[in-house]
PDB file of all heavy atoms in Angstrom:
ATOM      1  N   LEU A   1       2.092  13.050  -1.738  1.00  0.00           N
ATOM      2  CA  LEU A   1       1.236  13.486  -2.859  1.00  0.00           C
ATOM      3  C   LEU A   1       0.299  14.555  -2.329  1.00  0.00           C
ATOM      4  O   LEU A   1      -0.204  14.451  -1.222  1.00  0.00           O
ATOM      5  CB  LEU A   1       0.440  12.302  -3.418  1.00  0.00           C
ATOM      6  CG  LEU A   1       1.244  11.142  -3.981  1.00  0.00           C
ATOM      7  CD1 LEU A   1       0.318  10.002  -4.350  1.00  0.00           C
ATOM      8  CD2 LEU A   1       2.084  11.588  -5.153  1.00  0.00           C
ATOM      9  N   GLN A   2       0.039  15.547  -3.083  1.00  0.00           N
ATOM     10  CA  GLN A   2      -0.831  16.620  -2.684  1.00  0.00           C
ATOM     11  C   GLN A   2      -2.271  16.328  -3.147  1.00  0.00           C
ATOM     12  O   GLN A   2      -2.731  16.857  -4.132  1.00  0.00           O
ATOM     13  CB  GLN A   2      -0.334  17.959  -3.224  1.00  0.00           C
ATOM     14  CG  GLN A   2       1.005  18.313  -2.618  1.00  0.00           C
ATOM     15  CD  GLN A   2       1.513  19.661  -3.159  1.00  0.00           C
ATOM     16  OE1 GLN A   2       0.817  20.349  -3.904  1.00  0.00           O
ATOM     17  NE2 GLN A   2       2.704  20.015  -2.780  1.00  0.00           N
ATOM     18  N   ILE A   3      -2.907  15.421  -2.412  1.00  0.00           N
ATOM     19  CA  ILE A   3      -4.276  14.996  -2.771  1.00  0.00           C
ATOM     20  C   ILE A   3      -5.255  15.873  -2.024  1.00  0.00           C
ATOM     21  O   ILE A   3      -5.203  15.996  -0.806  1.00  0.00           O
ATOM     22  CB  ILE A   3      -4.455  13.502  -2.430  1.00  0.00           C
ATOM     23  CG1 ILE A   3      -3.483  12.668  -3.234  1.00  0.00           C
ATOM     24  CG2 ILE A   3      -5.905  13.097  -2.688  1.00  0.00           C
ATOM     25  CD1 ILE A   3      -3.468  11.189  -2.872  1.00  0.00           C
ATOM     26  N   ASN A   4      -6.168  16.457  -2.796  1.00  0.00           N
ATOM     27  CA  ASN A   4      -7.228  17.294  -2.173  1.00  0.00           C
ATOM     28  C   ASN A   4      -8.573  16.899  -2.739  1.00  0.00           C
ATOM     29  O   ASN A   4      -8.709  15.906  -3.477  1.00  0.00           O
ATOM     30  CB  ASN A   4      -6.910  18.760  -2.395  1.00  0.00           C
ATOM     31  CG  ASN A   4      -6.813  19.140  -3.849  1.00  0.00           C
ATOM     32  OD1 ASN A   4      -7.575  18.686  -4.668  1.00  0.00           O
ATOM     33  ND2 ASN A   4      -5.841  19.992  -4.192  1.00  0.00           N
ATOM     34  N   GLU A   5      -9.589  17.682  -2.462  1.00  0.00           N
ATOM     35  CA  GLU A   5     -10.963  17.383  -2.897  1.00  0.00           C
ATOM     36  C   GLU A   5     -11.192  17.472  -4.399  1.00  0.00           C
ATOM     37  O   GLU A   5     -12.252  17.134  -4.886  1.00  0.00           O
ATOM     38  CB  GLU A   5     -11.981  18.194  -2.117  1.00  0.00           C
ATOM     39  CG  GLU A   5     -11.787  19.649  -2.138  1.00  0.00           C
ATOM     40  CD  GLU A   5     -10.673  20.154  -1.181  1.00  0.00           C
ATOM     41  OE1 GLU A   5     -10.438  19.513  -0.134  1.00  0.00           O
ATOM     42  OE2 GLU A   5     -10.066  21.183  -1.468  1.00  0.00           O
ATOM     43  N   THR A   6     -10.176  17.929  -5.119  1.00  0.00           N
ATOM     44  CA  THR A   6     -10.299  17.937  -6.590  1.00  0.00           C
ATOM     45  C   THR A   6      -9.449  16.848  -7.255  1.00  0.00           C
ATOM     46  O   THR A   6      -9.363  16.780  -8.488  1.00  0.00           O
ATOM     47  CB  THR A   6      -9.906  19.313  -7.181  1.00  0.00           C
ATOM     48  OG1 THR A   6      -8.555  19.588  -6.864  1.00  0.00           O
ATOM     49  CG2 THR A   6     -10.791  20.432  -6.633  1.00  0.00           C
ATOM     50  N   SER A   7      -8.862  16.013  -6.434  1.00  0.00           N
ATOM     51  CA  SER A   7      -7.947  14.941  -6.935  1.00  0.00           C
ATOM     52  C   SER A   7      -8.749  13.696  -7.339  1.00  0.00           C
ATOM     53  O   SER A   7      -9.789  13.402  -6.745  1.00  0.00           O
ATOM     54  CB  SER A   7      -6.951  14.558  -5.859  1.00  0.00           C
ATOM     55  OG  SER A   7      -6.137  15.644  -5.512  1.00  0.00           O
ATOM     56  N   TYR A   8      -8.220  12.999  -8.330  1.00  0.00           N
ATOM     57  CA  TYR A   8      -8.769  11.751  -8.784  1.00  0.00           C
ATOM     58  C   TYR A   8      -7.671  10.704  -8.636  1.00  0.00           C
ATOM     59  O   TYR A   8      -6.617  10.862  -9.236  1.00  0.00           O
ATOM     60  CB  TYR A   8      -9.208  11.873 -10.263  1.00  0.00           C
ATOM     61  CG  TYR A   8     -10.444  12.714 -10.443  1.00  0.00           C
ATOM     62  CD1 TYR A   8     -10.438  14.074 -10.129  1.00  0.00           C
ATOM     63  CD2 TYR A   8     -11.610  12.185 -10.931  1.00  0.00           C
ATOM     64  CE1 TYR A   8     -11.556  14.855 -10.288  1.00  0.00           C
ATOM     65  CE2 TYR A   8     -12.747  12.945 -11.103  1.00  0.00           C
ATOM     66  CZ  TYR A   8     -12.716  14.308 -10.785  1.00  0.00           C
ATOM     67  OH  TYR A   8     -13.824  15.066 -10.934  1.00  0.00           O
ATOM     68  N   VAL A   9      -7.944   9.654  -7.855  1.00  0.00           N
ATOM     69  CA  VAL A   9      -6.948   8.614  -7.606  1.00  0.00           C
ATOM     70  C   VAL A   9      -7.441   7.320  -8.234  1.00  0.00           C
ATOM     71  O   VAL A   9      -8.540   6.857  -7.961  1.00  0.00           O
ATOM     72  CB  VAL A   9      -6.755   8.423  -6.057  1.00  0.00           C
ATOM     73  CG1 VAL A   9      -5.813   7.267  -5.786  1.00  0.00           C
ATOM     74  CG2 VAL A   9      -6.324   9.679  -5.403  1.00  0.00           C
ATOM     75  N   ILE A  10      -6.576   6.764  -9.086  1.00  0.00           N
ATOM     76  CA  ILE A  10      -6.854   5.462  -9.710  1.00  0.00           C
ATOM     77  C   ILE A  10      -5.806   4.485  -9.261  1.00  0.00           C
ATOM     78  O   ILE A  10      -4.618   4.726  -9.430  1.00  0.00           O
ATOM     79  CB  ILE A  10      -6.914   5.569 -11.240  1.00  0.00           C
ATOM     80  CG1 ILE A  10      -8.057   6.473 -11.663  1.00  0.00           C
ATOM     81  CG2 ILE A  10      -7.010   4.194 -11.868  1.00  0.00           C
ATOM     82  CD1 ILE A  10      -8.182   6.678 -13.151  1.00  0.00           C
ATOM     83  N   ILE A  11      -6.240   3.393  -8.685  1.00  0.00           N
ATOM     84  CA  ILE A  11      -5.344   2.370  -8.144  1.00  0.00           C
ATOM     85  C   ILE A  11      -5.197   1.226  -9.121  1.00  0.00           C
ATOM     86  O   ILE A  11      -6.180   0.520  -9.406  1.00  0.00           O
ATOM     87  CB  ILE A  11      -5.849   1.865  -6.792  1.00  0.00           C
ATOM     88  CG1 ILE A  11      -5.986   3.047  -5.801  1.00  0.00           C
ATOM     89  CG2 ILE A  11      -4.927   0.776  -6.232  1.00  0.00           C
ATOM     90  CD1 ILE A  11      -6.761   2.758  -4.559  1.00  0.00           C
ATOM     91  N   VAL A  12      -3.964   1.042  -9.587  1.00  0.00           N
ATOM     92  CA  VAL A  12      -3.635  -0.035 -10.502  1.00  0.00           C
ATOM     93  C   VAL A  12      -2.246  -0.535 -10.087  1.00  0.00           C
ATOM     94  O   VAL A  12      -1.248   0.110 -10.371  1.00  0.00           O
ATOM     95  CB  VAL A  12      -3.575   0.413 -11.984  1.00  0.00           C
ATOM     96  CG1 VAL A  12      -3.253  -0.719 -12.909  1.00  0.00           C
ATOM     97  CG2 VAL A  12      -4.891   1.073 -12.400  1.00  0.00           C
ATOM     98  N   THR A  13      -2.212  -1.638  -9.364  1.00  0.00           N
ATOM     99  CA  THR A  13      -0.943  -2.215  -8.926  1.00  0.00           C
ATOM    100  C   THR A  13      -0.804  -3.627  -9.450  1.00  0.00           C
ATOM    101  O   THR A  13      -1.699  -4.132 -10.161  1.00  0.00           O
ATOM    102  CB  THR A  13      -0.852  -2.207  -7.372  1.00  0.00           C
ATOM    103  OG1 THR A  13      -1.702  -3.215  -6.845  1.00  0.00           O
ATOM    104  CG2 THR A  13      -1.187  -0.863  -6.791  1.00  0.00           C
ATOM    105  N   ARG A  14       0.220  -4.290  -9.005  1.00  0.00           N
ATOM    106  CA  ARG A  14       0.476  -5.680  -9.476  1.00  0.00           C
ATOM    107  C   ARG A  14      -0.279  -6.739  -8.700  1.00  0.00           C
ATOM    108  O   ARG A  14      -0.259  -7.891  -9.085  1.00  0.00           O
ATOM    109  CB  ARG A  14       1.967  -5.975  -9.438  1.00  0.00           C
ATOM    110  CG  ARG A  14       2.720  -5.183 -10.472  1.00  0.00           C
ATOM    111  CD  ARG A  14       4.150  -5.607 -10.504  1.00  0.00           C
ATOM    112  NE  ARG A  14       4.867  -4.809 -11.446  1.00  0.00           N
ATOM    113  CZ  ARG A  14       5.625  -5.313 -12.372  1.00  0.00           C
ATOM    114  NH1 ARG A  14       5.775  -6.603 -12.473  1.00  0.00           N
ATOM    115  NH2 ARG A  14       6.237  -4.515 -13.214  1.00  0.00           N
ATOM    116  N   GLY A  15      -0.885  -6.367  -7.571  1.00  0.00           N
ATOM    117  CA  GLY A  15      -1.506  -7.457  -6.791  1.00  0.00           C
ATOM    118  C   GLY A  15      -2.455  -6.958  -5.724  1.00  0.00           C
ATOM    119  O   GLY A  15      -2.480  -5.750  -5.392  1.00  0.00           O
ATOM    120  N   HIS A  16      -3.207  -7.913  -5.155  1.00  0.00           N
ATOM    121  CA  HIS A  16      -4.212  -7.597  -4.162  1.00  0.00           C
ATOM    122  C   HIS A  16      -3.623  -6.840  -2.938  1.00  0.00           C
ATOM    123  O   HIS A  16      -4.219  -5.917  -2.426  1.00  0.00           O
ATOM    124  CB  HIS A  16      -4.871  -8.869  -3.653  1.00  0.00           C
ATOM    125  CG  HIS A  16      -5.725  -9.558  -4.650  1.00  0.00           C
ATOM    126  ND1 HIS A  16      -5.412  -9.621  -6.003  1.00  0.00           N
ATOM    127  CD2 HIS A  16      -6.870 -10.237  -4.523  1.00  0.00           C
ATOM    128  CE1 HIS A  16      -6.344 -10.296  -6.654  1.00  0.00           C
ATOM    129  NE2 HIS A  16      -7.244 -10.674  -5.775  1.00  0.00           N
ATOM    130  N   ARG A  17      -2.523  -7.330  -2.448  1.00  0.00           N
ATOM    131  CA  ARG A  17      -1.903  -6.741  -1.243  1.00  0.00           C
ATOM    132  C   ARG A  17      -1.530  -5.274  -1.478  1.00  0.00           C
ATOM    133  O   ARG A  17      -1.749  -4.414  -0.645  1.00  0.00           O
ATOM    134  CB  ARG A  17      -0.683  -7.531  -0.784  1.00  0.00           C
ATOM    135  CG  ARG A  17      -1.030  -8.844  -0.193  1.00  0.00           C
ATOM    136  CD  ARG A  17      -1.514  -8.682   1.244  1.00  0.00           C
ATOM    137  NE  ARG A  17      -2.168  -9.900   1.667  1.00  0.00           N
ATOM    138  CZ  ARG A  17      -3.196  -9.916   2.497  1.00  0.00           C
ATOM    139  NH1 ARG A  17      -3.641  -8.798   3.005  1.00  0.00           N
ATOM    140  NH2 ARG A  17      -3.764 -11.038   2.816  1.00  0.00           N
ATOM    141  N   ASP A  18      -0.939  -5.024  -2.638  1.00  0.00           N
ATOM    142  CA  ASP A  18      -0.555  -3.637  -2.982  1.00  0.00           C
ATOM    143  C   ASP A  18      -1.817  -2.791  -3.161  1.00  0.00           C
ATOM    144  O   ASP A  18      -1.868  -1.645  -2.699  1.00  0.00           O
ATOM    145  CB  ASP A  18       0.311  -3.588  -4.207  1.00  0.00           C
ATOM    146  CG  ASP A  18       1.681  -4.190  -3.986  1.00  0.00           C
ATOM    147  OD1 ASP A  18       2.144  -4.178  -2.816  1.00  0.00           O
ATOM    148  OD2 ASP A  18       2.307  -4.641  -4.940  1.00  0.00           O
ATOM    149  N   ASP A  19      -2.835  -3.343  -3.833  1.00  0.00           N
ATOM    150  CA  ASP A  19      -4.079  -2.591  -3.994  1.00  0.00           C
ATOM    151  C   ASP A  19      -4.644  -2.242  -2.619  1.00  0.00           C
ATOM    152  O   ASP A  19      -5.117  -1.107  -2.403  1.00  0.00           O
ATOM    153  CB  ASP A  19      -5.130  -3.443  -4.734  1.00  0.00           C
ATOM    154  CG  ASP A  19      -4.845  -3.537  -6.223  1.00  0.00           C
ATOM    155  OD1 ASP A  19      -4.054  -2.746  -6.745  1.00  0.00           O
ATOM    156  OD2 ASP A  19      -5.422  -4.438  -6.864  1.00  0.00           O
ATOM    157  N   MET A  20      -4.603  -3.195  -1.707  1.00  0.00           N
ATOM    158  CA  MET A  20      -5.152  -2.968  -0.370  1.00  0.00           C
ATOM    159  C   MET A  20      -4.376  -1.874   0.354  1.00  0.00           C
ATOM    160  O   MET A  20      -4.968  -0.994   0.975  1.00  0.00           O
ATOM    161  CB  MET A  20      -5.087  -4.279   0.427  1.00  0.00           C
ATOM    162  CG  MET A  20      -5.922  -4.268   1.668  1.00  0.00           C
ATOM    163  SD  MET A  20      -6.187  -5.902   2.365  1.00  0.00           S
ATOM    164  CE  MET A  20      -4.562  -6.633   2.376  1.00  0.00           C
ATOM    165  N   ARG A  21      -3.076  -1.907   0.262  1.00  0.00           N
ATOM    166  CA  ARG A  21      -2.237  -0.852   0.908  1.00  0.00           C
ATOM    167  C   ARG A  21      -2.573   0.499   0.365  1.00  0.00           C
ATOM    168  O   ARG A  21      -2.760   1.473   1.105  1.00  0.00           O
ATOM    169  CB  ARG A  21      -0.762  -1.133   0.678  1.00  0.00           C
ATOM    170  CG  ARG A  21      -0.213  -2.255   1.533  1.00  0.00           C
ATOM    171  CD  ARG A  21       1.311  -2.391   1.297  1.00  0.00           C
ATOM    172  NE  ARG A  21       1.788  -3.516   1.991  1.00  0.00           N
ATOM    173  CZ  ARG A  21       1.934  -4.720   1.450  1.00  0.00           C
ATOM    174  NH1 ARG A  21       1.647  -4.947   0.163  1.00  0.00           N
ATOM    175  NH2 ARG A  21       2.378  -5.768   2.165  1.00  0.00           N
ATOM    176  N   VAL A  22      -2.632   0.618  -0.965  1.00  0.00           N
ATOM    177  CA  VAL A  22      -2.872   1.927  -1.560  1.00  0.00           C
ATOM    178  C   VAL A  22      -4.298   2.391  -1.315  1.00  0.00           C
ATOM    179  O   VAL A  22      -4.537   3.573  -1.044  1.00  0.00           O
ATOM    180  CB  VAL A  22      -2.550   1.888  -3.074  1.00  0.00           C
ATOM    181  CG1 VAL A  22      -2.884   3.225  -3.741  1.00  0.00           C
ATOM    182  CG2 VAL A  22      -1.074   1.559  -3.290  1.00  0.00           C
ATOM    183  N   LEU A  23      -5.265   1.466  -1.371  1.00  0.00           N
ATOM    184  CA  LEU A  23      -6.670   1.844  -1.106  1.00  0.00           C
ATOM    185  C   LEU A  23      -6.830   2.374   0.335  1.00  0.00           C
ATOM    186  O   LEU A  23      -7.493   3.385   0.580  1.00  0.00           O
ATOM    187  CB  LEU A  23      -7.612   0.675  -1.342  1.00  0.00           C
ATOM    188  CG  LEU A  23      -9.097   0.945  -1.094  1.00  0.00           C
ATOM    189  CD1 LEU A  23      -9.599   2.086  -2.006  1.00  0.00           C
ATOM    190  CD2 LEU A  23      -9.904  -0.295  -1.333  1.00  0.00           C
ATOM    191  N   LYS A  24      -6.152   1.724   1.265  1.00  0.00           N
ATOM    192  CA  LYS A  24      -6.206   2.150   2.668  1.00  0.00           C
ATOM    193  C   LYS A  24      -5.650   3.573   2.804  1.00  0.00           C
ATOM    194  O   LYS A  24      -6.216   4.426   3.531  1.00  0.00           O
ATOM    195  CB  LYS A  24      -5.439   1.186   3.548  1.00  0.00           C
ATOM    196  CG  LYS A  24      -5.616   1.433   5.014  1.00  0.00           C
ATOM    197  CD  LYS A  24      -4.962   0.338   5.822  1.00  0.00           C
ATOM    198  CE  LYS A  24      -5.212   0.518   7.298  1.00  0.00           C
ATOM    199  NZ  LYS A  24      -4.591  -0.540   8.092  1.00  0.00           N
ATOM    200  N   LEU A  25      -4.586   3.873   2.077  1.00  0.00           N
ATOM    201  CA  LEU A  25      -4.030   5.220   2.094  1.00  0.00           C
ATOM    202  C   LEU A  25      -4.950   6.197   1.382  1.00  0.00           C
ATOM    203  O   LEU A  25      -5.179   7.327   1.863  1.00  0.00           O
ATOM    204  CB  LEU A  25      -2.651   5.230   1.421  1.00  0.00           C
ATOM    205  CG  LEU A  25      -1.556   4.427   2.126  1.00  0.00           C
ATOM    206  CD1 LEU A  25      -0.348   4.240   1.184  1.00  0.00           C
ATOM    207  CD2 LEU A  25      -1.144   5.091   3.409  1.00  0.00           C
ATOM    208  N   ALA A  26      -5.546   5.792   0.268  1.00  0.00           N
ATOM    209  CA  ALA A  26      -6.403   6.679  -0.509  1.00  0.00           C
ATOM    210  C   ALA A  26      -7.680   7.097   0.212  1.00  0.00           C
ATOM    211  O   ALA A  26      -8.079   8.231   0.114  1.00  0.00           O
ATOM    212  CB  ALA A  26      -6.735   6.053  -1.859  1.00  0.00           C
ATOM    213  N   ILE A  27      -8.292   6.151   0.936  1.00  0.00           N
ATOM    214  CA  ILE A  27      -9.574   6.490   1.561  1.00  0.00           C
ATOM    215  C   ILE A  27      -9.376   7.453   2.715  1.00  0.00           C
ATOM    216  O   ILE A  27     -10.347   8.033   3.205  1.00  0.00           O
ATOM    217  CB  ILE A  27     -10.374   5.240   1.986  1.00  0.00           C
ATOM    218  CG1 ILE A  27      -9.591   4.383   2.956  1.00  0.00           C
ATOM    219  CG2 ILE A  27     -10.839   4.479   0.784  1.00  0.00           C
ATOM    220  CD1 ILE A  27     -10.361   3.205   3.480  1.00  0.00           C
ATOM    221  N   ALA A  28      -8.156   7.629   3.151  1.00  0.00           N
ATOM    222  CA  ALA A  28      -7.840   8.572   4.236  1.00  0.00           C
ATOM    223  C   ALA A  28      -7.682   9.991   3.678  1.00  0.00           C
ATOM    224  O   ALA A  28      -7.419  10.908   4.426  1.00  0.00           O
ATOM    225  CB  ALA A  28      -6.620   8.152   4.975  1.00  0.00           C
ATOM    226  N   THR A  29      -7.802  10.152   2.373  1.00  0.00           N
ATOM    227  CA  THR A  29      -7.615  11.463   1.713  1.00  0.00           C
ATOM    228  C   THR A  29      -9.017  12.055   1.383  1.00  0.00           C
ATOM    229  O   THR A  29     -10.009  11.306   1.331  1.00  0.00           O
ATOM    230  CB  THR A  29      -6.822  11.347   0.418  1.00  0.00           C
ATOM    231  OG1 THR A  29      -7.637  10.714  -0.597  1.00  0.00           O
ATOM    232  CG2 THR A  29      -5.524  10.589   0.622  1.00  0.00           C
ATOM    233  N   PRO A  30      -9.028  13.302   1.061  1.00  0.00           N
ATOM    234  CA  PRO A  30     -10.299  13.920   0.638  1.00  0.00           C
ATOM    235  C   PRO A  30     -10.539  13.797  -0.895  1.00  0.00           C
ATOM    236  O   PRO A  30     -11.393  14.532  -1.440  1.00  0.00           O
ATOM    237  CB  PRO A  30     -10.131  15.411   1.038  1.00  0.00           C
ATOM    238  CG  PRO A  30      -8.663  15.638   0.892  1.00  0.00           C
ATOM    239  CD  PRO A  30      -7.994  14.344   1.293  1.00  0.00           C
ATOM    240  N   ALA A  31      -9.827  12.922  -1.565  1.00  0.00           N
ATOM    241  CA  ALA A  31      -9.920  12.841  -3.026  1.00  0.00           C
ATOM    242  C   ALA A  31     -11.403  12.712  -3.470  1.00  0.00           C
ATOM    243  O   ALA A  31     -12.205  12.049  -2.849  1.00  0.00           O
ATOM    244  CB  ALA A  31      -9.151  11.621  -3.524  1.00  0.00           C
ATOM    245  N   ARG A  32     -11.699  13.399  -4.545  1.00  0.00           N
ATOM    246  CA  ARG A  32     -13.057  13.409  -5.082  1.00  0.00           C
ATOM    247  C   ARG A  32     -13.432  12.072  -5.703  1.00  0.00           C
ATOM    248  O   ARG A  32     -14.589  11.645  -5.663  1.00  0.00           O
ATOM    249  CB  ARG A  32     -13.194  14.502  -6.112  1.00  0.00           C
ATOM    250  CG  ARG A  32     -14.579  14.633  -6.666  1.00  0.00           C
ATOM    251  CD  ARG A  32     -14.693  15.861  -7.509  1.00  0.00           C
ATOM    252  NE  ARG A  32     -16.089  16.109  -7.831  1.00  0.00           N
ATOM    253  CZ  ARG A  32     -16.505  17.202  -8.411  1.00  0.00           C
ATOM    254  NH1 ARG A  32     -15.654  18.142  -8.705  1.00  0.00           N
ATOM    255  NH2 ARG A  32     -17.759  17.336  -8.694  1.00  0.00           N
ATOM    256  N   TYR A  33     -12.467  11.414  -6.332  1.00  0.00           N
ATOM    257  CA  TYR A  33     -12.698  10.154  -7.032  1.00  0.00           C
ATOM    258  C   TYR A  33     -11.600   9.186  -6.647  1.00  0.00           C
ATOM    259  O   TYR A  33     -10.420   9.498  -6.807  1.00  0.00           O
ATOM    260  CB  TYR A  33     -12.709  10.397  -8.518  1.00  0.00           C
ATOM    261  CG  TYR A  33     -12.881   9.181  -9.421  1.00  0.00           C
ATOM    262  CD1 TYR A  33     -14.148   8.672  -9.700  1.00  0.00           C
ATOM    263  CD2 TYR A  33     -11.784   8.542  -9.990  1.00  0.00           C
ATOM    264  CE1 TYR A  33     -14.318   7.587 -10.544  1.00  0.00           C
ATOM    265  CE2 TYR A  33     -11.960   7.468 -10.822  1.00  0.00           C
ATOM    266  CZ  TYR A  33     -13.234   6.985 -11.099  1.00  0.00           C
ATOM    267  OH  TYR A  33     -13.372   5.901 -11.939  1.00  0.00           O
ATOM    268  N   ILE A  34     -11.996   8.044  -6.141  1.00  0.00           N
ATOM    269  CA  ILE A  34     -11.017   6.975  -5.833  1.00  0.00           C
ATOM    270  C   ILE A  34     -11.553   5.734  -6.504  1.00  0.00           C
ATOM    271  O   ILE A  34     -12.660   5.305  -6.257  1.00  0.00           O
ATOM    272  CB  ILE A  34     -10.889   6.728  -4.298  1.00  0.00           C
ATOM    273  CG1 ILE A  34     -10.419   7.987  -3.600  1.00  0.00           C
ATOM    274  CG2 ILE A  34      -9.953   5.565  -4.019  1.00  0.00           C
ATOM    275  CD1 ILE A  34     -10.484   7.925  -2.078  1.00  0.00           C
ATOM    276  N   ALA A  35     -10.706   5.159  -7.365  1.00  0.00           N
ATOM    277  CA  ALA A  35     -11.132   3.971  -8.139  1.00  0.00           C
ATOM    278  C   ALA A  35     -10.018   2.928  -8.120  1.00  0.00           C
ATOM    279  O   ALA A  35      -8.843   3.239  -7.976  1.00  0.00           O
ATOM    280  CB  ALA A  35     -11.446   4.350  -9.549  1.00  0.00           C
ATOM    281  N   MET A  36     -10.458   1.674  -8.233  1.00  0.00           N
ATOM    282  CA  MET A  36      -9.489   0.562  -8.226  1.00  0.00           C
ATOM    283  C   MET A  36      -9.893  -0.404  -9.331  1.00  0.00           C
ATOM    284  O   MET A  36     -11.056  -0.743  -9.466  1.00  0.00           O
ATOM    285  CB  MET A  36      -9.493  -0.130  -6.868  1.00  0.00           C
ATOM    286  CG  MET A  36      -8.447  -1.206  -6.720  1.00  0.00           C
ATOM    287  SD  MET A  36      -8.346  -1.849  -5.050  1.00  0.00           S
ATOM    288  CE  MET A  36      -9.915  -2.678  -4.883  1.00  0.00           C
ATOM    289  N   ILE A  37      -8.905  -0.881 -10.081  1.00  0.00           N
ATOM    290  CA  ILE A  37      -9.138  -1.846 -11.132  1.00  0.00           C
ATOM    291  C   ILE A  37      -9.239  -3.241 -10.506  1.00  0.00           C
ATOM    292  O   ILE A  37      -8.757  -3.475  -9.398  1.00  0.00           O
ATOM    293  CB  ILE A  37      -7.998  -1.794 -12.195  1.00  0.00           C
ATOM    294  CG1 ILE A  37      -8.432  -2.469 -13.483  1.00  0.00           C
ATOM    295  CG2 ILE A  37      -6.692  -2.428 -11.648  1.00  0.00           C
ATOM    296  CD1 ILE A  37      -7.521  -2.193 -14.646  1.00  0.00           C
ATOM    297  N   GLY A  38      -9.891  -4.136 -11.203  1.00  0.00           N
ATOM    298  CA  GLY A  38      -9.973  -5.518 -10.756  1.00  0.00           C
ATOM    299  C   GLY A  38     -11.335  -6.124 -10.874  1.00  0.00           C
ATOM    300  O   GLY A  38     -12.306  -5.407 -11.156  1.00  0.00           O
ATOM    301  N   SER A  39     -11.442  -7.394 -10.661  1.00  0.00           N
ATOM    302  CA  SER A  39     -12.721  -8.078 -10.713  1.00  0.00           C
ATOM    303  C   SER A  39     -13.544  -7.741  -9.469  1.00  0.00           C
ATOM    304  O   SER A  39     -12.992  -7.294  -8.452  1.00  0.00           O
ATOM    305  CB  SER A  39     -12.501  -9.605 -10.763  1.00  0.00           C
ATOM    306  OG  SER A  39     -11.928 -10.036  -9.549  1.00  0.00           O
ATOM    307  N   LYS A  40     -14.835  -7.996  -9.542  1.00  0.00           N
ATOM    308  CA  LYS A  40     -15.660  -7.783  -8.376  1.00  0.00           C
ATOM    309  C   LYS A  40     -15.229  -8.660  -7.220  1.00  0.00           C
ATOM    310  O   LYS A  40     -15.222  -8.233  -6.081  1.00  0.00           O
ATOM    311  CB  LYS A  40     -17.140  -8.002  -8.727  1.00  0.00           C
ATOM    312  CG  LYS A  40     -17.692  -6.910  -9.574  1.00  0.00           C
ATOM    313  CD  LYS A  40     -19.159  -7.069  -9.865  1.00  0.00           C
ATOM    314  CE  LYS A  40     -19.616  -5.874 -10.701  1.00  0.00           C
ATOM    315  NZ  LYS A  40     -21.023  -5.871 -11.005  1.00  0.00           N
ATOM    316  N   ARG A  41     -14.829  -9.851  -7.522  1.00  0.00           N
ATOM    317  CA  ARG A  41     -14.350 -10.805  -6.500  1.00  0.00           C
ATOM    318  C   ARG A  41     -13.106 -10.212  -5.775  1.00  0.00           C
ATOM    319  O   ARG A  41     -13.029 -10.264  -4.551  1.00  0.00           O
ATOM    320  CB  ARG A  41     -14.035 -12.152  -7.140  1.00  0.00           C
ATOM    321  CG  ARG A  41     -13.607 -13.189  -6.120  1.00  0.00           C
ATOM    322  CD  ARG A  41     -13.470 -14.529  -6.787  1.00  0.00           C
ATOM    323  NE  ARG A  41     -12.289 -15.162  -6.257  1.00  0.00           N
ATOM    324  CZ  ARG A  41     -11.603 -16.094  -6.799  1.00  0.00           C
ATOM    325  NH1 ARG A  41     -11.946 -16.559  -7.973  1.00  0.00           N
ATOM    326  NH2 ARG A  41     -10.568 -16.595  -6.232  1.00  0.00           N
ATOM    327  N   LYS A  42     -12.164  -9.733  -6.568  1.00  0.00           N
ATOM    328  CA  LYS A  42     -10.968  -9.150  -5.983  1.00  0.00           C
ATOM    329  C   LYS A  42     -11.336  -7.946  -5.112  1.00  0.00           C
ATOM    330  O   LYS A  42     -10.824  -7.818  -3.968  1.00  0.00           O
ATOM    331  CB  LYS A  42     -10.018  -8.695  -7.082  1.00  0.00           C
ATOM    332  CG  LYS A  42      -8.845  -7.887  -6.563  1.00  0.00           C
ATOM    333  CD  LYS A  42      -8.072  -7.303  -7.726  1.00  0.00           C
ATOM    334  CE  LYS A  42      -7.415  -6.025  -7.330  1.00  0.00           C
ATOM    335  NZ  LYS A  42      -6.688  -5.391  -8.393  1.00  0.00           N
ATOM    336  N   VAL A  43     -12.205  -7.091  -5.600  1.00  0.00           N
ATOM    337  CA  VAL A  43     -12.626  -5.886  -4.869  1.00  0.00           C
ATOM    338  C   VAL A  43     -13.284  -6.295  -3.524  1.00  0.00           C
ATOM    339  O   VAL A  43     -12.936  -5.764  -2.482  1.00  0.00           O
ATOM    340  CB  VAL A  43     -13.572  -5.002  -5.696  1.00  0.00           C
ATOM    341  CG1 VAL A  43     -14.166  -3.905  -4.844  1.00  0.00           C
ATOM    342  CG2 VAL A  43     -12.823  -4.426  -6.854  1.00  0.00           C
TER     343      VAL A  43
END
C-alpha cells in the first residue's frame, strides 16, 4: 500500500489478533490518521 503523510488508515477486522497485526503495521507508516474500531477495553 502506498501510505504516506496524507493517508488515512482505518482498521476494521474480524478480531483482536488481526487488529493487532494491522495496527502494528500501520504505526510503522507516516499515515496522518490511524484509527481502529472497538471498545475501549479491546483497544
